[in-house]
Amino acid sequence: MAETINMPKLGFDMAEGLLVRWVKQVGENINKGDVLAEIETDKATVEVESSASGVVLQLIVDQGTMVPVNAPIAIVGAAGEKVDVPAAAPSKVEKPVLSESKDQKSADEKPVAPASQQPTVVPAPSGQASVPLTSGPVKASPLAKKIAKDNNVNLAALQGTGPGGRVVRKDVEVALSSGQSAVSSKQSAPVASQPVFVSHDDNVVATTKLRQAIGRRLVESKTTIPHFYVTHEYKMDALMAMRKQANEYLPDNEKLSVNDFILKAVALSLRQFPNLNATIKGNEVIQFGHVNVGVAVTVHGGLMTVVVKDTDQKMLRQISSEVKTMAGRAREGKVKPEDVDGSTFSTSNLGMYDVEDFIAIINPPEAAILAISSAREVPVVESGELKVGWRMKATISVDHRVSDGAEAAQFMQALAGFLENPVRMLV
């Protein structure tokens, strides 16, 4: 029996997604789990997997179409099967984002190249860098930006073949394979003896969809959620010693991070404080049955939260592996729907940046978030003696409609019970 594939929902605030490319075409065989299409959301380019095996019978929407969440996009069934194609929900083709700059406006209004056209590069005079095609920000998919950044490709020198003139992955790969001058040359760097000219003109940079989405959500959070904060300093000597000992038995690609221990400790502590693993809806507090800890990951242009499902029930190595895998997909712009959906409590760790202390904004609709700072060797006083010890500060931000300071402080003490006695996480 034929099955309809719908536009997935990635995060509670997602309303629609841009269908960038069909990976499979009508008449092609497809297995359950195979990639059917690529869609672009406010956060990333996502590969949509087929939920059924069979033959692609119908592609309901065209490439370059903005599709509402849960709207049908394709039908998969048996070869030759007759199906009634569901009516596609009203959709709109993405329009270019225009800045207030006249130069950029005229650039955005230029005709879009046909989809079959190969990306082109404006030739540059000898010894000079490539000349950008536009004076404004370059429209490109997150994955194209990632590949371009990793390979030192000048996106402004490419003519995009995606919807609305967007530079897509294929455009960057073609430029790399052709060795065109879109790839920056080391020779274009200024010679040390030459004067460096600094422009004092203002630089107008259009915000990305991801940055806009972050802005909307955090404004909503700070204006509708009454935050309060509790900070605790943790003794990390035992945990650092246990981590060092465990990593001696693990290969380099499986070594545990401090954050892996923290995620496990947070999840176990939340089992004791279900009121913080919750959300508020009207006059009711809904305490989640699962403990799904979200982990903030830095990606190009902003942040994304990947989710470790049932964190309290997983071993440290499994938590570590899942975070590495999902974070890698997020940075490549290839997250899966399940990677970013369903968090019940979030964490933000800036420990790798030598941060002493900070606070985080609650990720709605959750009730709390933990901001984790650096574990440092500092002078401490114990039993009247001055010594060197490992210490780490963490601050929890809590929705005051759901909980109070005393409960938050007790949670932080419970967390200390696991972080300062990490063997408890193993038994």
Protein backbone atom coordinates (compact mmCIF):
# COMPACT_ATOMS: atom_id res chain seq x y z
CA MET A 1 0.00 0.00 0.00
CA ALA A 2 1.30 3.44 -0.92
CA GLU A 3 2.62 5.66 1.87
CA THR A 4 2.71 9.44 1.92
CA ILE A 5 5.93 11.15 3.02
CA ASN A 6 5.35 14.45 4.83
CA MET A 7 7.51 17.48 5.57
CA PRO A 8 9.11 16.70 8.96
CA LYS A 9 8.93 19.03 11.95
CA LEU A 10 12.35 19.95 13.35
CA GLY A 11 11.81 21.74 16.63
CA PHE A 12 8.63 23.06 18.15
CA ASP A 13 8.86 26.46 16.41
CA MET A 14 9.40 25.18 12.86
CA ALA A 15 6.46 26.06 10.61
CA GLU A 16 7.84 25.36 7.13
CA GLY A 17 10.93 24.25 5.23
CA LEU A 18 12.43 24.89 1.80
CA LEU A 19 12.59 21.77 -0.38
CA VAL A 20 16.04 22.31 -1.90
CA ARG A 21 16.57 19.12 -3.92
CA TRP A 22 14.98 15.78 -4.75
CA VAL A 23 17.56 13.03 -4.28
CA LYS A 24 15.23 10.39 -5.74
CA GLN A 25 13.04 10.83 -8.83
CA VAL A 26 9.71 9.32 -9.90
CA GLY A 27 10.13 5.67 -10.87
CA GLU A 28 13.29 5.09 -8.82
CA ASN A 29 13.46 2.35 -6.20
CA ILE A 30 13.92 3.47 -2.62
CA ASN A 31 14.41 1.62 0.66
CA LYS A 32 13.21 2.67 4.07
CA GLY A 33 15.84 4.99 5.52
CA ASP A 34 17.22 6.10 2.15
CA VAL A 35 17.55 9.84 1.59
CA LEU A 36 14.59 11.10 -0.44
CA ALA A 37 15.16 14.85 -0.45
CA GLU A 38 17.10 17.72 1.09
CA ILE A 39 15.22 20.48 2.88
CA GLU A 40 16.49 23.68 4.41
CA THR A 41 15.14 25.05 7.68
CA ASP A 42 16.06 28.06 9.75
CA LYS A 43 18.76 25.92 11.33
CA ALA A 44 20.36 23.69 8.71
CA THR A 45 20.06 21.65 5.55
CA VAL A 46 18.42 18.35 6.52
CA GLU A 47 18.25 15.07 4.65
CA VAL A 48 14.70 13.66 4.65
CA GLU A 49 14.65 9.88 4.81
CA SER A 50 11.91 7.72 3.34
CA SER A 51 9.69 6.02 5.89
CA ALA A 52 8.74 3.29 3.40
CA SER A 53 10.32 0.98 0.82
CA GLY A 54 9.16 0.70 -2.77
CA VAL A 55 9.10 2.95 -5.81
CA VAL A 56 8.78 6.74 -5.84
CA LEU A 57 5.30 7.15 -7.38
CA GLN A 58 4.81 10.88 -7.06
CA LEU A 59 6.74 14.03 -6.11
CA ILE A 60 4.02 16.38 -4.93
CA VAL A 61 6.00 19.62 -4.67
CA ASP A 62 8.69 21.18 -6.84
CA GLN A 63 12.25 21.97 -5.87
CA GLY A 64 12.59 25.48 -4.49
CA THR A 65 9.17 25.38 -2.82
CA MET A 66 8.52 26.42 0.77
CA VAL A 67 6.44 23.62 2.31
CA PRO A 68 4.47 23.75 5.59
CA VAL A 69 5.30 21.20 8.28
CA ASN A 70 3.40 17.90 7.94
CA ALA A 71 2.30 18.74 4.38
CA PRO A 72 2.65 15.81 1.90
CA ILE A 73 5.73 15.99 -0.32
CA ALA A 74 5.94 12.54 -1.96
CA ILE A 75 4.29 9.12 -2.30
CA VAL A 76 6.13 5.79 -2.15
CA GLY A 77 4.46 2.48 -3.04
CA ALA A 78 4.55 -0.58 -5.27
CA ALA A 79 5.48 -0.28 -8.93
CA GLY A 80 2.43 0.47 -11.06
CA GLU A 81 0.22 1.13 -8.04
CA LYS A 82 -2.54 3.67 -8.64
CA VAL A 83 -2.70 6.37 -6.01
CA ASP A 84 -4.81 9.39 -5.26
CA VAL A 85 -2.38 12.27 -4.99
CA PRO A 86 -3.23 14.42 -1.93
CA ALA A 87 -3.63 18.10 -2.61
CA ALA A 88 -0.47 20.00 -1.83
CA ALA A 89 -0.85 22.58 0.93
CA PRO A 90 -0.55 26.23 -0.13
CA SER A 91 3.10 27.01 -0.50
CA LYS A 92 5.30 29.83 -1.59
CA VAL A 93 8.57 30.02 -3.41
CA GLU A 94 11.30 31.56 -1.30
CA LYS A 95 11.92 35.20 -2.13
CA PRO A 96 15.38 36.74 -1.98
CA VAL A 97 16.07 38.70 1.18
CA LEU A 98 16.79 42.29 0.21
CA SER A 99 18.84 44.63 2.34
CA GLU A 100 18.50 48.37 2.45
CA SER A 101 21.56 48.72 0.27
CA LYS A 102 20.76 49.83 -3.30
CA ASP A 103 23.77 47.92 -4.59
CA GLN A 104 22.56 44.68 -3.05
CA LYS A 105 19.00 45.27 -4.21
CA SER A 106 20.11 45.59 -7.81
CA ALA A 107 22.28 42.48 -7.43
CA ASP A 108 19.41 40.41 -6.02
CA GLU A 109 17.12 41.47 -8.85
CA LYS A 110 19.41 40.04 -11.51
CA PRO A 111 17.99 37.08 -13.50
CA VAL A 112 18.48 33.68 -11.87
CA ALA A 113 20.60 31.19 -13.81
CA PRO A 114 18.83 28.01 -15.06
CA ALA A 115 19.17 24.97 -12.81
CA SER A 116 21.23 23.16 -15.46
CA GLN A 117 23.78 25.94 -15.73
CA GLN A 118 27.19 25.27 -14.21
CA PRO A 119 28.51 27.72 -11.61
CA THR A 120 30.65 30.43 -13.14
CA VAL A 121 33.45 32.56 -11.83
CA VAL A 122 34.30 36.09 -12.82
CA PRO A 123 37.87 36.05 -14.20
CA ALA A 124 40.30 38.15 -12.21
CA PRO A 125 43.26 40.13 -13.49
CA SER A 126 46.61 38.48 -12.89
CA GLY A 127 47.74 38.71 -9.27
CA GLN A 128 44.36 39.90 -7.99
CA ALA A 129 41.63 38.12 -6.10
CA SER A 130 38.46 37.03 -7.85
CA VAL A 131 35.85 39.75 -8.34
CA PRO A 132 32.58 39.05 -6.50
CA LEU A 133 29.44 38.94 -8.59
CA THR A 134 27.46 40.93 -6.04
CA SER A 135 28.27 43.53 -3.44
CA GLY A 136 25.86 42.13 -0.87
CA PRO A 137 25.81 38.94 1.24
CA VAL A 138 25.96 35.68 -0.71
CA LYS A 139 22.92 33.43 -0.55
CA ALA A 140 24.14 29.89 0.10
CA SER A 141 22.98 26.76 1.86
CA PRO A 142 24.60 25.94 5.23
CA LEU A 143 26.34 22.92 3.70
CA ALA A 144 27.71 25.00 0.79
CA LYS A 145 29.07 27.54 3.29
CA LYS A 146 30.68 24.76 5.32
CA ILE A 147 32.43 23.21 2.29
CA ALA A 148 33.48 26.62 1.00
CA LYS A 149 34.96 27.62 4.35
CA ASP A 150 36.84 24.32 4.73
CA ASN A 151 38.32 24.60 1.22
CA ASN A 152 38.91 28.37 1.14
CA VAL A 153 36.40 29.00 -1.66
CA ASN A 154 35.13 32.52 -2.36
CA LEU A 155 31.33 32.07 -2.47
CA ALA A 156 30.88 35.55 -3.92
CA ALA A 157 32.63 34.41 -7.09
CA LEU A 158 30.13 31.59 -7.77
CA GLN A 159 26.85 31.83 -9.65
CA GLY A 160 24.40 29.70 -7.68
CA THR A 161 22.19 27.19 -9.44
CA GLY A 162 19.85 26.61 -6.50
CA PRO A 163 16.42 28.18 -5.90
CA GLY A 164 16.54 31.99 -6.10
CA GLY A 165 20.19 31.92 -7.22
CA ARG A 166 21.29 30.22 -4.00
CA VAL A 167 24.77 28.66 -4.01
CA VAL A 168 24.38 24.96 -3.19
CA ARG A 169 26.82 22.16 -2.47
CA LYS A 170 27.05 21.14 -6.13
CA ASP A 171 28.22 24.64 -7.12
CA VAL A 172 31.09 24.60 -4.64
CA GLU A 173 32.12 21.05 -5.59
CA VAL A 174 32.18 21.96 -9.30
CA ALA A 175 34.34 25.00 -8.57
CA LEU A 176 36.75 22.85 -6.57
CA SER A 177 36.98 20.15 -9.23
CA SER A 178 37.55 22.70 -12.02
CA GLY A 179 40.24 24.56 -10.07
CA GLN A 180 38.75 27.89 -11.07
CA SER A 181 39.80 31.15 -9.49
CA ALA A 182 36.93 30.96 -7.03
CA VAL A 183 39.42 29.20 -4.78
CA SER A 184 41.44 31.83 -2.99
CA SER A 185 45.18 31.75 -3.67
CA LYS A 186 47.80 32.27 -1.05
CA GLN A 187 49.50 34.60 -3.51
CA SER A 188 46.62 37.05 -3.12
CA ALA A 189 47.59 37.67 0.49
CA PRO A 190 49.30 41.01 1.06
CA VAL A 191 53.10 40.91 1.17
CA ALA A 192 54.50 41.88 4.54
CA SER A 193 56.37 44.86 3.08
CA GLN A 194 53.27 46.29 1.40
CA PRO A 195 50.99 48.69 3.27
CA VAL A 196 47.65 47.24 4.40
CA PHE A 197 44.72 49.47 3.54
CA VAL A 198 41.93 49.45 6.09
CA SER A 199 38.44 50.48 5.02
CA HIS A 200 36.51 52.67 7.44
CA ASP A 201 33.21 52.12 5.65
CA ASP A 202 30.43 50.37 7.55
CA ASN A 203 29.92 46.75 6.56
CA VAL A 204 26.27 45.65 6.35
CA VAL A 205 25.88 41.91 6.87
CA ALA A 206 22.48 40.28 6.39
CA THR A 207 21.56 37.94 9.25
CA THR A 208 21.19 34.26 8.41
CA LYS A 209 17.97 32.32 8.89
CA LEU A 210 19.60 30.53 11.80
CA ARG A 211 20.54 33.80 13.51
CA GLN A 212 17.01 35.14 12.94
CA ALA A 213 15.52 31.98 14.45
CA ILE A 214 17.81 32.24 17.48
CA GLY A 215 16.82 35.87 17.90
CA ARG A 216 13.09 35.13 17.76
CA ARG A 217 13.27 32.30 20.26
CA LEU A 218 15.50 34.05 22.78
CA VAL A 219 13.48 37.27 22.67
CA GLU A 220 10.41 35.13 23.34
CA SER A 221 12.22 33.38 26.18
CA LYS A 222 13.48 36.52 27.93
CA THR A 223 10.20 38.43 27.54
CA THR A 224 7.78 35.66 28.52
CA ILE A 225 9.76 33.48 30.98
CA PRO A 226 10.70 34.87 34.42
CA HIS A 227 14.28 33.62 34.77
CA PHE A 228 16.20 33.17 38.01
CA TYR A 229 19.73 31.81 38.44
CA VAL A 230 21.63 29.64 40.91
CA THR A 231 25.41 29.10 40.71
CA HIS A 232 27.41 26.29 42.34
CA GLU A 233 31.14 25.53 42.35
CA TYR A 234 32.05 21.84 41.98
CA LYS A 235 35.10 19.89 43.11
CA MET A 236 36.25 18.14 39.95
CA ASP A 237 39.40 16.34 41.19
CA ALA A 238 37.85 12.86 41.32
CA LEU A 239 36.11 13.24 37.97
CA MET A 240 39.26 14.48 36.21
CA ALA A 241 41.21 11.55 37.63
CA MET A 242 38.55 9.03 36.59
CA ARG A 243 38.35 10.51 33.08
CA LYS A 244 42.13 10.28 32.69
CA GLN A 245 42.14 6.67 33.82
CA ALA A 246 39.20 5.68 31.57
CA ASN A 247 40.72 7.33 28.50
CA GLU A 248 43.89 5.28 28.87
CA TYR A 249 41.85 2.26 27.76
CA LEU A 250 39.99 3.97 24.91
CA PRO A 251 41.10 4.72 21.32
CA ASP A 252 41.57 8.37 20.37
CA ASN A 253 38.22 8.65 18.59
CA GLU A 254 36.32 7.31 21.60
CA LYS A 255 37.91 9.23 24.46
CA LEU A 256 35.48 10.71 26.98
CA SER A 257 35.14 14.44 27.50
CA VAL A 258 34.31 16.23 30.74
CA ASN A 259 30.99 17.14 29.14
CA ASP A 260 30.07 13.46 28.72
CA PHE A 261 30.29 12.98 32.49
CA ILE A 262 28.30 16.17 33.09
CA LEU A 263 25.48 15.09 30.77
CA LYS A 264 25.15 11.77 32.58
CA ALA A 265 25.22 13.48 35.98
CA VAL A 266 22.61 16.04 34.90
CA ALA A 267 20.28 13.31 33.65
CA LEU A 268 20.55 11.27 36.86
CA SER A 269 19.95 14.39 38.96
CA LEU A 270 16.86 15.29 36.92
CA ARG A 271 15.34 11.94 37.87
CA GLN A 272 15.35 13.23 41.45
CA PHE A 273 13.89 16.61 40.42
CA PRO A 274 11.21 15.97 37.76
CA ASN A 275 9.91 19.51 38.22
CA LEU A 276 12.99 20.79 36.37
CA ASN A 277 12.57 18.22 33.59
CA ALA A 278 9.28 19.79 32.61
CA THR A 279 7.32 22.44 30.74
CA ILE A 280 4.45 24.72 31.68
CA LYS A 281 1.21 24.71 29.74
CA GLY A 282 -1.49 27.07 30.96
CA ASN A 283 -2.08 26.29 34.61
CA GLU A 284 -0.38 22.89 34.44
CA VAL A 285 3.22 21.75 34.75
CA ILE A 286 3.92 18.74 32.55
CA GLN A 287 6.75 16.60 33.97
CA PHE A 288 8.32 14.63 31.13
CA GLY A 289 8.59 10.85 31.45
CA HIS A 290 11.84 10.77 29.46
CA VAL A 291 15.05 12.62 30.29
CA ASN A 292 16.32 13.91 26.94
CA VAL A 293 19.24 16.27 27.50
CA GLY A 294 19.94 18.85 24.79
CA VAL A 295 23.53 19.87 24.02
CA ALA A 296 24.21 23.28 22.44
CA VAL A 297 26.58 22.90 19.47
CA THR A 298 28.37 25.74 17.69
CA VAL A 299 27.65 25.73 13.95
CA HIS A 300 28.32 28.22 11.16
CA GLY A 301 26.34 31.35 11.95
CA GLY A 302 24.95 30.34 15.33
CA LEU A 303 24.00 27.48 17.62
CA MET A 304 22.03 24.27 17.33
CA THR A 305 20.86 21.93 20.08
CA VAL A 306 21.30 18.19 19.51
CA VAL A 307 19.45 15.82 21.79
CA VAL A 308 20.65 12.71 23.64
CA LYS A 309 17.49 10.68 24.17
CA ASP A 310 17.04 8.89 27.53
CA THR A 311 20.39 10.21 28.73
CA ASP A 312 19.86 8.81 32.22
CA GLN A 313 19.72 5.24 30.86
CA LYS A 314 22.83 5.32 28.66
CA MET A 315 26.44 4.48 29.40
CA LEU A 316 29.08 7.20 29.20
CA ARG A 317 30.61 5.78 26.00
CA GLN A 318 27.21 5.74 24.30
CA ILE A 319 26.51 9.33 25.33
CA SER A 320 29.93 10.38 24.05
CA SER A 321 29.48 8.59 20.72
CA GLU A 322 26.02 10.04 20.10
CA VAL A 323 27.10 13.60 20.87
CA LYS A 324 30.15 13.34 18.57
CA THR A 325 28.06 11.90 15.73
CA MET A 326 25.18 14.38 16.00
CA ALA A 327 27.48 17.38 16.48
CA GLY A 328 29.41 16.32 13.37
CA ARG A 329 26.21 16.14 11.32
CA ALA A 330 25.11 19.52 12.67
CA ARG A 331 28.36 21.22 11.64
CA GLU A 332 28.12 19.63 8.18
CA GLY A 333 24.53 20.82 7.77
CA LYS A 334 23.25 17.23 7.62
CA VAL A 335 21.25 16.86 10.83
CA LYS A 336 18.48 14.30 11.02
CA PRO A 337 15.05 15.22 12.43
CA GLU A 338 15.60 13.02 15.48
CA ASP A 339 18.93 14.76 16.23
CA VAL A 340 17.30 18.05 17.20
CA ASP A 341 13.83 17.13 18.39
CA GLY A 342 12.48 16.22 21.81
CA SER A 343 14.80 17.81 24.37
CA THR A 344 13.39 18.15 27.89
CA PHE A 345 16.35 20.01 29.49
CA SER A 346 19.27 21.80 27.84
CA THR A 347 22.95 22.37 28.59
CA SER A 348 25.41 24.93 27.24
CA ASN A 349 29.11 24.26 27.80
CA LEU A 350 31.72 26.98 27.20
CA GLY A 351 34.40 25.17 29.17
CA MET A 352 36.67 24.83 26.12
CA TYR A 353 36.94 28.64 25.93
CA ASP A 354 38.44 29.19 29.40
CA VAL A 355 35.23 30.73 30.76
CA GLU A 356 34.96 31.30 34.51
CA ASP A 357 31.20 31.75 34.72
CA PHE A 358 28.17 32.67 32.57
CA ILE A 359 24.39 32.30 32.42
CA ALA A 360 22.25 30.84 29.64
CA ILE A 361 18.78 31.70 28.36
CA ILE A 362 16.11 29.02 28.74
CA ASN A 363 15.29 27.08 25.56
CA PRO A 364 11.47 27.17 25.37
CA PRO A 365 9.31 25.26 26.04
CA GLU A 366 11.69 23.74 28.61
CA ALA A 367 11.78 24.88 32.24
CA ALA A 368 15.55 25.11 32.78
CA ILE A 369 19.02 25.15 31.23
CA LEU A 370 22.48 24.57 32.73
CA ALA A 371 25.43 26.83 31.80
CA ILE A 372 28.73 24.96 32.28
CA SER A 373 32.04 26.79 32.65
CA SER A 374 35.66 25.64 32.54
CA ALA A 375 37.18 23.10 34.90
CA ARG A 376 40.32 24.83 36.22
CA GLU A 377 43.23 24.11 38.52
CA VAL A 378 43.03 26.86 41.13
CA PRO A 379 44.29 27.50 44.67
CA VAL A 380 41.77 26.17 47.22
CA VAL A 381 41.59 25.92 51.00
CA GLU A 382 40.71 22.53 52.50
CA SER A 383 40.85 21.78 56.22
CA GLY A 384 42.73 25.02 56.76
CA GLU A 385 45.42 24.16 54.22
CA LEU A 386 46.14 25.90 50.90
CA LYS A 387 46.44 23.51 47.98
CA VAL A 388 45.78 23.20 44.25
CA GLY A 389 42.49 21.66 43.18
CA TRP A 390 40.18 21.28 40.17
CA ARG A 391 37.08 23.48 40.36
CA MET A 392 34.23 24.18 37.95
CA LYS A 393 31.30 26.59 38.17
CA ALA A 394 27.89 25.94 36.68
CA THR A 395 24.75 28.09 36.71
CA ILE A 396 21.21 26.87 36.26
CA SER A 397 18.56 29.17 34.77
CA VAL A 398 15.04 28.24 35.85
CA ASP A 399 11.51 29.31 34.92
CA HIS A 400 10.13 30.83 38.13
CA ARG A 401 6.60 29.83 37.11
CA VAL A 402 7.66 26.20 37.47
CA SER A 403 10.14 26.17 40.34
CA ASP A 404 11.81 28.22 43.07
CA GLY A 405 15.33 28.95 44.28
CA ALA A 406 15.38 26.28 46.98
CA GLU A 407 14.55 23.48 44.54
CA ALA A 408 17.13 24.73 42.05
CA ALA A 409 19.78 24.87 44.79
CA GLN A 410 18.92 21.32 45.88
CA PHE A 411 19.26 20.16 42.28
CA MET A 412 22.72 21.72 42.08
CA GLN A 413 23.68 19.91 45.30
CA ALA A 414 22.40 16.62 43.89
CA LEU A 415 24.48 17.26 40.78
CA ALA A 416 27.52 17.71 43.02
CA GLY A 417 26.85 14.27 44.46
CA PHE A 418 27.52 12.75 41.03
CA LEU A 419 30.25 15.08 39.76
CA GLU A 420 32.29 14.92 42.97
CA ASN A 421 31.74 11.15 43.39
CA PRO A 422 31.70 10.04 39.72
CA VAL A 423 31.80 6.33 40.57
CA ARG A 424 28.07 6.73 41.37
CA MET A 425 27.44 7.18 37.63
CA LEU A 426 28.86 3.74 36.95
CA VAL A 427 26.81 1.72 39.44
